[in-house]
C-alpha atoms as a PDB file:
ATOM      1  CA  MET A   1      30.964  43.776 -84.904  1.00  0.00           C
ATOM      2  CA  LYS A   2      33.468  42.734 -82.239  1.00  0.00           C
ATOM      3  CA  THR A   3      33.280  39.094 -83.392  1.00  0.00           C
ATOM      4  CA  ALA A   4      33.876  40.140 -86.993  1.00  0.00           C
ATOM      5  CA  LEU A   5      36.914  42.181 -85.981  1.00  0.00           C
ATOM      6  CA  ARG A   6      38.273  39.247 -83.988  1.00  0.00           C
ATOM      7  CA  ALA A   7      37.786  36.976 -87.010  1.00  0.00           C
ATOM      8  CA  VAL A   8      39.733  39.372 -89.208  1.00  0.00           C
ATOM      9  CA  GLY A   9      42.435  39.699 -86.569  1.00  0.00           C
ATOM     10  CA  LEU A  10      42.740  35.935 -86.237  1.00  0.00           C
ATOM     11  CA  ALA A  11      42.889  35.556 -90.006  1.00  0.00           C
ATOM     12  CA  VAL A  12      45.751  38.055 -90.147  1.00  0.00           C
ATOM     13  CA  LEU A  13      47.465  36.265 -87.279  1.00  0.00           C
ATOM     14  CA  SER A  14      47.077  32.896 -88.980  1.00  0.00           C
ATOM     15  CA  LEU A  15      48.537  34.310 -92.209  1.00  0.00           C
ATOM     16  CA  TRP A  16      51.436  35.784 -90.268  1.00  0.00           C
ATOM     17  CA  MET A  17      52.031  32.425 -88.608  1.00  0.00           C
ATOM     18  CA  GLY A  18      51.908  30.671 -91.971  1.00  0.00           C
ATOM     19  CA  CYS A  19      48.591  28.927 -91.371  1.00  0.00           C
ATOM     20  CA  ALA A  20      46.629  30.830 -94.043  1.00  0.00           C
ATOM     21  CA  ASN A  21      43.437  29.370 -92.625  1.00  0.00           C
ATOM     22  CA  PHE A  22      40.807  32.103 -92.551  1.00  0.00           C
ATOM     23  CA  ASP A  23      37.913  29.644 -92.355  1.00  0.00           C
ATOM     24  CA  GLY A  24      39.588  27.901 -89.443  1.00  0.00           C
ATOM     25  CA  ALA A  25      39.982  31.210 -87.618  1.00  0.00           C
ATOM     26  CA  VAL A  26      36.310  32.012 -88.112  1.00  0.00           C
ATOM     27  CA  ARG A  27      35.218  28.533 -87.012  1.00  0.00           C
ATOM     28  CA  ALA A  28      37.455  28.875 -83.977  1.00  0.00           C
ATOM     29  CA  LEU A  29      35.280  31.752 -82.803  1.00  0.00           C
ATOM     30  CA  SER A  30      32.393  29.368 -82.270  1.00  0.00           C
ATOM     31  CA  PRO A  31      30.787  29.774 -78.856  1.00  0.00           C
ATOM     32  CA  LYS A  32      31.761  26.166 -78.171  1.00  0.00           C
ATOM     33  CA  VAL A  33      35.479  27.040 -78.216  1.00  0.00           C
ATOM     34  CA  SER A  34      36.838  28.734 -75.122  1.00  0.00           C
ATOM     35  CA  ARG A  35      39.303  31.600 -75.262  1.00  0.00           C
ATOM     36  CA  ASP A  36      41.950  29.440 -73.583  1.00  0.00           C
ATOM     37  CA  THR A  37      41.490  26.630 -76.116  1.00  0.00           C
ATOM     38  CA  LEU A  38      41.793  29.061 -78.996  1.00  0.00           C
ATOM     39  CA  LYS A  39      44.925  30.606 -77.501  1.00  0.00           C
ATOM     40  CA  ALA A  40      46.447  27.173 -76.899  1.00  0.00           C
ATOM     41  CA  LYS A  41      45.870  26.123 -80.522  1.00  0.00           C
ATOM     42  CA  ILE A  42      47.435  29.319 -81.868  1.00  0.00           C
ATOM     43  CA  LEU A  43      50.464  28.981 -79.601  1.00  0.00           C
ATOM     44  CA  GLU A  44      50.782  25.260 -80.372  1.00  0.00           C
ATOM     45  CA  THR A  45      51.258  26.079 -84.050  1.00  0.00           C
ATOM     46  CA  GLN A  46      53.832  28.730 -83.225  1.00  0.00           C
ATOM     47  CA  LYS A  47      55.726  26.391 -80.870  1.00  0.00           C
ATOM     48  CA  ALA A  48      56.109  23.802 -83.613  1.00  0.00           C
ATOM     49  CA  ARG A  49      57.606  26.441 -85.903  1.00  0.00           C
ATOM     50  CA  LEU A  50      59.970  27.658 -83.188  1.00  0.00           C
ATOM     51  CA  ASP A  51      61.061  24.097 -82.354  1.00  0.00           C
ATOM     52  CA  ALA A  52      61.842  23.542 -86.034  1.00  0.00           C
ATOM     53  CA  ALA A  53      63.907  26.738 -86.097  1.00  0.00           C
ATOM     54  CA  VAL A  54      65.944  25.533 -83.114  1.00  0.00           C
ATOM     55  CA  ALA A  55      66.450  22.109 -84.692  1.00  0.00           C
ATOM     56  CA  ALA A  56      67.662  23.776 -87.888  1.00  0.00           C
ATOM     57  CA  GLY A  57      70.057  26.012 -85.955  1.00  0.00           C
ATOM     58  CA  ARG A  58      68.290  29.244 -86.964  1.00  0.00           C
ATOM     59  CA  MET A  59      67.367  30.187 -83.391  1.00  0.00           C
ATOM     60  CA  THR A  60      68.624  29.496 -79.901  1.00  0.00           C
ATOM     61  CA  ALA A  61      66.449  28.155 -77.096  1.00  0.00           C
ATOM     62  CA  GLU A  62      66.600  31.565 -75.408  1.00  0.00           C
ATOM     63  CA  GLN A  63      65.405  33.285 -78.582  1.00  0.00           C
ATOM     64  CA  THR A  64      62.475  30.897 -78.861  1.00  0.00           C
ATOM     65  CA  GLN A  65      61.514  31.544 -75.234  1.00  0.00           C
ATOM     66  CA  GLN A  66      61.484  35.285 -75.905  1.00  0.00           C
ATOM     67  CA  ALA A  67      59.504  34.822 -79.118  1.00  0.00           C
ATOM     68  CA  SER A  68      56.992  32.592 -77.316  1.00  0.00           C
ATOM     69  CA  ALA A  69      56.476  35.168 -74.586  1.00  0.00           C
ATOM     70  CA  ARG A  70      55.916  37.926 -77.160  1.00  0.00           C
ATOM     71  CA  MET A  71      53.522  35.749 -79.132  1.00  0.00           C
ATOM     72  CA  SER A  72      51.533  34.867 -76.018  1.00  0.00           C
ATOM     73  CA  ALA A  73      51.173  38.550 -75.128  1.00  0.00           C
ATOM     74  CA  ASN A  74      50.161  39.414 -78.702  1.00  0.00           C
ATOM     75  CA  VAL A  75      47.526  36.661 -78.778  1.00  0.00           C
ATOM     76  CA  ASP A  76      46.163  37.913 -75.444  1.00  0.00           C
ATOM     77  CA  ARG A  77      45.858  41.432 -76.835  1.00  0.00           C
ATOM     78  CA  LEU A  78      44.100  40.142 -79.950  1.00  0.00           C
ATOM     79  CA  LEU A  79      41.660  37.917 -78.092  1.00  0.00           C
ATOM     80  CA  ASP A  80      40.878  40.581 -75.514  1.00  0.00           C
ATOM     81  CA  ALA A  81      40.324  43.359 -78.057  1.00  0.00           C
END
């Protein structure tokens, strides 16, 4: 049950991040993928979006640092649930 809830949570997170990749979120829960690897992949996607926002002038570097810290904490909560 816990794995199923994590899969749903990751699917929601991927939709929120613009990935819309439910199958990828479920596959990412494979026992072969460590928690740290999964977290890194999620945050990597978010970092690319934040970097694009800075390049486009929609966010400052300080805002992206704050957003990254919040996202990291949110991913930790999701993965540890």
